[in-house]
Protein backbone atom coordinates (compact mmCIF):
# COMPACT_ATOMS: atom_id res chain seq x y z
CA MET A 1 52.66 93.79 171.67
CA ARG A 2 55.50 95.59 169.87
CA VAL A 3 58.04 96.94 172.36
CA ALA A 4 61.01 99.24 171.77
CA LEU A 5 63.54 99.23 174.62
CA LEU A 6 66.23 101.90 174.94
CA ALA A 7 69.21 100.10 176.41
CA GLY A 8 72.68 100.68 177.74
CA GLY A 9 74.51 98.58 180.28
CA THR A 10 73.60 95.61 182.42
CA GLY A 11 70.15 96.55 183.73
CA ALA A 12 68.56 97.19 180.37
CA ALA A 13 70.21 94.11 178.85
CA ARG A 14 68.64 92.01 181.59
CA LEU A 15 65.26 93.61 180.95
CA ALA A 16 65.66 92.82 177.24
CA SER A 17 66.10 89.18 178.19
CA GLY A 18 62.93 89.36 180.27
CA PHE A 19 60.90 90.81 177.42
CA ALA A 20 62.31 88.26 174.97
CA GLY A 21 61.03 85.47 177.23
CA LEU A 22 57.48 86.84 177.07
CA LEU A 23 56.96 88.41 173.65
CA PRO A 24 56.48 86.61 170.34
CA PRO A 25 59.60 86.55 168.15
CA GLY A 26 59.96 89.83 166.29
CA ASP A 27 57.94 91.97 168.72
CA LEU A 28 60.95 93.30 170.65
CA SER A 29 63.39 95.89 169.31
CA VAL A 30 66.32 96.89 171.52
CA ILE A 31 67.93 100.22 170.61
CA THR A 32 71.42 100.34 172.06
CA ASN A 33 73.81 103.08 173.08
CA THR A 34 76.94 103.26 170.92
CA ALA A 35 78.67 106.20 172.60
CA ASP A 36 80.66 103.81 174.81
CA ASP A 37 82.04 101.94 171.78
CA ASP A 38 85.80 101.97 171.30
CA ARG A 39 88.57 100.37 169.26
CA PHE A 40 91.11 97.90 170.60
CA TRP A 41 93.79 96.34 168.37
CA GLY A 42 91.86 97.38 165.27
CA LEU A 43 88.55 95.89 166.40
CA LEU A 44 85.40 97.88 167.10
CA VAL A 45 84.06 96.88 170.51
CA CYS A 46 80.42 97.76 171.30
CA PRO A 47 79.91 96.92 174.99
CA ASP A 48 76.25 97.94 175.38
CA THR A 49 75.19 96.33 172.10
CA ASP A 50 77.17 93.17 172.79
CA SER A 51 75.75 92.82 176.31
CA VAL A 52 72.28 92.70 174.77
CA LEU A 53 73.38 90.23 172.10
CA TYR A 54 74.96 87.90 174.64
CA ARG A 55 72.03 88.16 177.07
CA LEU A 56 69.51 87.34 174.36
CA ALA A 57 71.68 84.46 173.16
CA GLY A 58 71.91 83.06 176.69
CA ILE A 59 75.72 83.19 176.71
CA PHE A 60 76.44 86.31 178.79
CA ASN A 61 79.19 85.93 181.38
CA SER A 62 77.26 86.87 184.51
CA ASP A 63 80.18 86.07 186.80
CA ALA A 64 82.51 88.55 185.09
CA GLY A 65 79.75 91.06 184.26
CA PHE A 66 80.87 91.29 180.62
CA GLY A 67 81.65 89.12 177.63
CA VAL A 68 80.84 85.48 177.00
CA GLN A 69 80.46 82.66 179.52
CA ASP A 70 83.16 79.98 179.76
CA GLU A 71 85.61 82.50 178.33
CA SER A 72 89.34 82.08 177.84
CA PHE A 73 91.91 84.84 177.37
CA HIS A 74 94.74 83.26 175.37
CA ALA A 75 94.84 86.08 172.79
CA LEU A 76 94.98 88.68 175.55
CA ASP A 77 97.74 86.76 177.33
CA MET A 78 99.80 86.74 174.12
CA LEU A 79 99.27 90.46 173.65
CA GLY A 80 100.45 91.08 177.20
CA ARG A 81 103.49 88.90 176.60
CA MET A 82 104.37 91.15 173.67
CA GLY A 83 104.11 94.30 175.74
CA GLU A 84 100.57 95.44 174.92
CA PRO A 85 98.38 96.97 177.67
CA THR A 86 95.75 94.45 178.69
CA TRP A 87 93.50 96.46 181.00
CA PHE A 88 90.57 95.98 178.61
CA ALA A 89 89.93 92.26 178.89
CA LEU A 90 88.81 90.94 175.52
CA GLY A 91 88.14 87.22 175.70
CA ASP A 92 88.74 84.79 172.86
CA ARG A 93 85.05 84.13 172.15
CA ASP A 94 84.29 87.83 172.41
CA ILE A 95 87.04 88.54 169.86
CA GLY A 96 85.34 86.12 167.49
CA LEU A 97 82.23 88.31 167.38
CA HIS A 98 84.33 91.45 166.92
CA LEU A 99 86.23 89.85 164.05
CA LEU A 100 82.99 88.97 162.27
CA ARG A 101 81.54 92.45 162.77
CA GLU A 102 84.75 94.01 161.47
CA SER A 103 84.72 91.74 158.42
CA LEU A 104 81.10 92.59 157.64
CA ARG A 105 81.86 96.29 157.88
CA ARG A 106 84.94 95.99 155.66
CA HIS A 107 82.67 94.44 153.04
CA GLY A 108 80.36 97.45 153.08
CA ALA A 109 77.87 96.84 155.87
CA GLY A 110 76.99 99.69 158.19
CA LEU A 111 77.13 99.05 161.92
CA GLY A 112 73.39 98.40 162.09
CA GLU A 113 73.53 95.98 159.16
CA ALA A 114 76.45 94.12 160.70
CA VAL A 115 74.67 93.77 164.03
CA ALA A 116 71.48 92.63 162.26
CA GLU A 117 73.49 89.89 160.53
CA ILE A 118 74.94 88.79 163.88
CA VAL A 119 71.40 88.71 165.30
CA ARG A 120 70.39 86.46 162.39
CA ARG A 121 73.35 84.13 162.85
CA LEU A 122 72.74 83.86 166.60
CA GLN A 123 69.04 83.19 165.87
CA LEU A 124 67.89 85.79 168.37
CA PRO A 125 64.15 86.43 168.87
CA ALA A 126 64.50 90.24 168.87
CA SER A 127 65.99 93.04 166.80
CA VAL A 128 69.11 94.71 168.22
CA ILE A 129 69.61 98.16 166.71
CA PRO A 130 72.62 100.43 167.40
CA MET A 131 71.36 104.00 167.78
CA SER A 132 73.44 105.23 164.83
CA ASP A 133 75.83 104.02 162.15
CA ASP A 134 77.88 107.17 162.73
CA PRO A 135 80.57 107.19 165.42
CA VAL A 136 79.65 108.90 168.71
CA ARG A 137 82.13 108.69 171.58
CA THR A 138 81.78 109.50 175.27
CA ARG A 139 84.51 111.77 176.57
CA LEU A 140 84.95 112.72 180.22
CA THR A 141 86.89 115.49 181.90
CA THR A 142 88.17 114.20 185.23
CA ASP A 143 90.50 115.33 187.98
CA GLN A 144 93.17 113.28 186.19
CA GLY A 145 92.52 114.81 182.77
CA GLY A 146 90.46 113.89 179.73
CA MET A 147 89.55 110.24 179.19
CA SER A 148 87.50 108.02 176.95
CA PHE A 149 84.66 106.26 178.69
CA GLN A 150 86.43 102.89 178.68
CA GLU A 151 89.60 104.41 180.12
CA TRP A 152 87.60 105.92 182.98
CA PHE A 153 85.25 102.98 183.52
CA VAL A 154 87.58 100.01 183.05
CA GLU A 155 91.20 101.14 183.35
CA HIS A 156 90.61 103.62 186.18
CA ARG A 157 87.60 101.82 187.72
CA CYS A 158 85.46 105.00 187.82
CA GLU A 159 87.74 106.48 190.47
CA PRO A 160 88.73 109.91 189.07
CA PRO A 161 85.91 112.36 189.87
CA VAL A 162 84.14 113.54 186.71
CA ARG A 163 83.75 117.26 186.10
CA ASP A 164 82.29 117.28 182.59
CA LEU A 165 80.79 114.87 180.07
CA ARG A 166 80.36 115.20 176.32
CA PHE A 167 79.61 113.05 173.28
CA ASP A 168 81.99 113.67 170.41
CA GLY A 169 80.39 113.24 167.00
CA LEU A 170 76.83 113.56 168.25
CA ASP A 171 76.18 116.75 166.29
CA GLN A 172 77.07 115.03 163.02
CA ALA A 173 75.42 111.67 163.75
CA GLU A 174 72.16 110.56 162.19
CA PRO A 175 69.76 108.21 163.98
CA ALA A 176 69.60 104.70 162.57
CA PRO A 177 66.58 104.39 160.26
CA ALA A 178 65.76 101.02 161.81
CA ALA A 179 65.63 102.65 165.25
CA VAL A 180 63.28 105.37 163.99
CA GLU A 181 61.03 102.71 162.46
CA ALA A 182 61.06 100.60 165.64
CA LEU A 183 59.94 103.61 167.68
CA ARG A 184 57.24 104.45 165.16
CA ARG A 185 55.80 100.93 165.26
CA ALA A 186 56.13 100.35 169.00
CA GLU A 187 53.02 100.14 171.12
CA LEU A 188 55.23 100.54 174.20
CA VAL A 189 58.54 102.38 174.45
CA VAL A 190 60.59 101.57 177.55
CA ILE A 191 63.53 103.60 178.76
CA GLY A 192 65.51 100.85 180.46
CA PRO A 193 67.11 101.00 183.93
CA SER A 194 70.40 102.32 182.57
CA ASN A 195 72.63 105.23 183.52
CA PRO A 196 70.62 108.27 182.37
CA LEU A 197 73.73 110.41 181.74
CA LEU A 198 76.02 107.89 180.05
CA SER A 199 73.68 105.42 178.39
CA ILE A 200 70.29 107.01 177.73
CA ASP A 201 71.22 110.64 176.99
CA PRO A 202 73.08 109.76 173.75
CA ILE A 203 70.14 107.71 172.48
CA LEU A 204 67.58 110.38 173.32
CA SER A 205 69.76 113.13 171.87
CA LEU A 206 69.41 111.39 168.50
CA LEU A 207 65.95 109.87 168.75
CA ARG A 208 63.92 112.17 171.01
CA PRO A 209 61.81 113.60 168.13
CA HIS A 210 60.66 110.06 167.33
CA VAL A 211 59.65 109.07 170.88
CA ASP A 212 55.92 109.37 171.59
CA ARG A 213 55.66 110.49 175.23
CA ALA A 214 52.20 108.96 175.68
CA ARG A 215 53.53 105.49 174.83
CA THR A 216 56.74 105.77 176.85
CA ILE A 217 57.57 104.57 180.34
CA ALA A 218 60.93 104.87 182.11
CA VAL A 219 62.32 102.50 184.73
CA SER A 220 64.47 104.01 187.46
CA PRO A 221 68.01 102.59 187.69
CA VAL A 222 68.28 104.01 191.21
CA VAL A 223 66.72 101.99 194.04
CA GLY A 224 66.69 103.35 197.56
CA GLY A 225 69.34 105.90 196.66
CA HIS A 226 71.69 103.27 195.26
CA ALA A 227 72.51 101.95 191.80
CA LEU A 228 72.33 98.18 191.63
CA LYS A 229 75.39 98.20 189.38
CA GLY A 230 77.68 100.84 187.94
CA PRO A 231 78.50 104.46 188.74
CA THR A 232 75.06 106.01 188.17
CA VAL A 233 74.59 107.58 191.61
CA THR A 234 78.19 108.75 191.96
CA LEU A 235 78.27 110.28 188.49
CA MET A 236 74.92 112.05 188.93
CA ALA A 237 76.17 113.62 192.17
CA GLN A 238 79.49 114.68 190.63
CA LEU A 239 77.70 116.40 187.73
CA GLY A 240 75.21 118.24 189.94
CA GLU A 241 72.21 115.96 189.48
CA GLU A 242 70.05 114.71 192.36
CA PRO A 243 71.23 111.08 192.69
CA THR A 244 67.84 109.58 193.50
CA ALA A 245 64.94 108.00 191.63
CA LEU A 246 63.25 111.42 191.79
CA GLY A 247 66.29 112.98 190.13
CA VAL A 248 66.03 110.42 187.34
CA ALA A 249 62.32 111.15 186.96
CA ARG A 250 63.05 114.85 186.55
CA ARG A 251 65.32 114.05 183.61
CA TYR A 252 62.63 112.01 181.87
CA ALA A 253 59.49 114.00 182.70
CA GLY A 254 59.42 115.75 179.33
CA ILE A 255 59.77 112.59 177.26
CA SER A 256 58.09 109.83 179.28
CA ALA A 257 54.50 109.87 180.50
CA GLY A 258 55.10 106.96 182.88
CA PHE A 259 57.72 106.20 185.49
CA VAL A 260 58.45 103.02 187.43
CA LEU A 261 59.75 103.17 190.98
CA ASP A 262 60.91 100.27 193.07
CA ARG A 263 58.80 99.42 196.10
CA VAL A 264 61.43 100.80 198.48
CA ASP A 265 60.94 104.22 196.86
CA ALA A 266 57.14 104.25 197.13
CA ASP A 267 57.30 107.38 199.30
CA LEU A 268 58.48 109.30 196.21
CA VAL A 269 55.20 108.70 194.33
CA PRO A 270 53.66 112.13 195.11
CA ALA A 271 56.83 114.00 194.13
CA VAL A 272 57.09 112.15 190.81
CA GLU A 273 53.38 112.61 190.11
CA ALA A 274 53.90 116.35 190.63
CA LEU A 275 56.18 116.23 187.56
CA GLY A 276 53.18 115.23 185.44
CA MET A 277 54.06 111.54 185.23
CA ARG A 278 51.92 108.52 186.02
CA VAL A 279 53.83 106.48 188.59
CA HIS A 280 53.89 102.70 188.89
CA VAL A 281 55.48 100.86 191.81
CA LEU A 282 57.02 97.48 190.96
CA ASP A 283 59.77 95.19 192.17
CA THR A 284 62.52 96.43 189.83
CA VAL A 285 65.37 94.33 191.24
CA MET A 286 65.91 91.58 188.66
CA ASP A 287 67.20 88.50 190.47
CA GLY A 288 67.87 85.92 187.77
CA ALA A 289 65.67 85.06 184.81
CA GLU A 290 62.54 85.01 186.97
CA GLY A 291 63.16 88.59 188.09
CA GLU A 292 63.79 89.71 184.53
CA ARG A 293 60.50 88.24 183.34
CA ARG A 294 58.63 89.60 186.36
CA LEU A 295 59.65 93.19 185.64
CA ALA A 296 58.98 92.79 181.91
CA ALA A 297 55.55 91.33 182.65
CA GLY A 298 54.75 94.23 184.97
CA LEU A 299 55.60 96.74 182.26
CA LEU A 300 53.48 94.92 179.69
CA GLU A 301 50.57 94.82 182.12
CA ILE A 302 50.82 98.58 182.68
CA ARG A 303 50.44 99.13 178.95
CA GLN A 304 47.65 96.58 178.55
CA THR A 305 45.61 97.99 181.44
CA GLY A 306 45.87 101.68 180.69
CA GLY A 307 48.98 102.67 178.85
CA ALA A 308 52.18 104.30 179.96
CA ALA A 309 50.47 107.60 180.58
């Protein structure tokens, strides 16, 4: 079954790993958010894309929550010694990937082509497709002024309350042709359990016309009123959204025929059904590789036994 997964952040990267363990090579396409990308010391860093790459390669640093396992930070230590700010912790192995991507782009490859070449070299079983070759950047207005996403998320640890959110460059960006093709060919489109405001909105802003609602199912990143990781609930509340699984469902009702709730939120089934969505209750908490495969298998079974709608 051909699956297209819209991904940003840890939850969707874990789900990508689960799908990759079940699907034949080539049947999974992961479309990643690039609005959180940023430049550090001349290198383009793509956190959401790289999390998927590292998860699929089996080298993600689960202890740190970012980067590559068994990482060292000698380059960062040297930068700090020479007076550079080191709040964004680029590890030595991580820098190696960024150097290759930068070299490929200097030689004429677009971002999508460069990532596809990295996928080939890592011998990954799935396609990883940045949502656009054009730069889109998350910008936040906070109580401490304007910030890039990485400044807010990493340097300031999500502490300044957010009053506004925008995506610079989105109006001029074109969706990646490979992403459009992946959505066209997909028998199942999954909106991963990622932050709907930060991670999924940029992707859908570009690709919404190419998403077939009848073949699409969304997985709530909010379980029992809490986000398993990241600032999803806090940010939704600060920007006037209902910070619950039902609030997430309201955002996706127009684009996704199906919605997955965790078992602890089963009481929300009637309210989500009232939005015109078919609701499925699964264990969405992915504990280790077994949990990743369990959720992926549940989503595939939904499609095989009746579709997302």
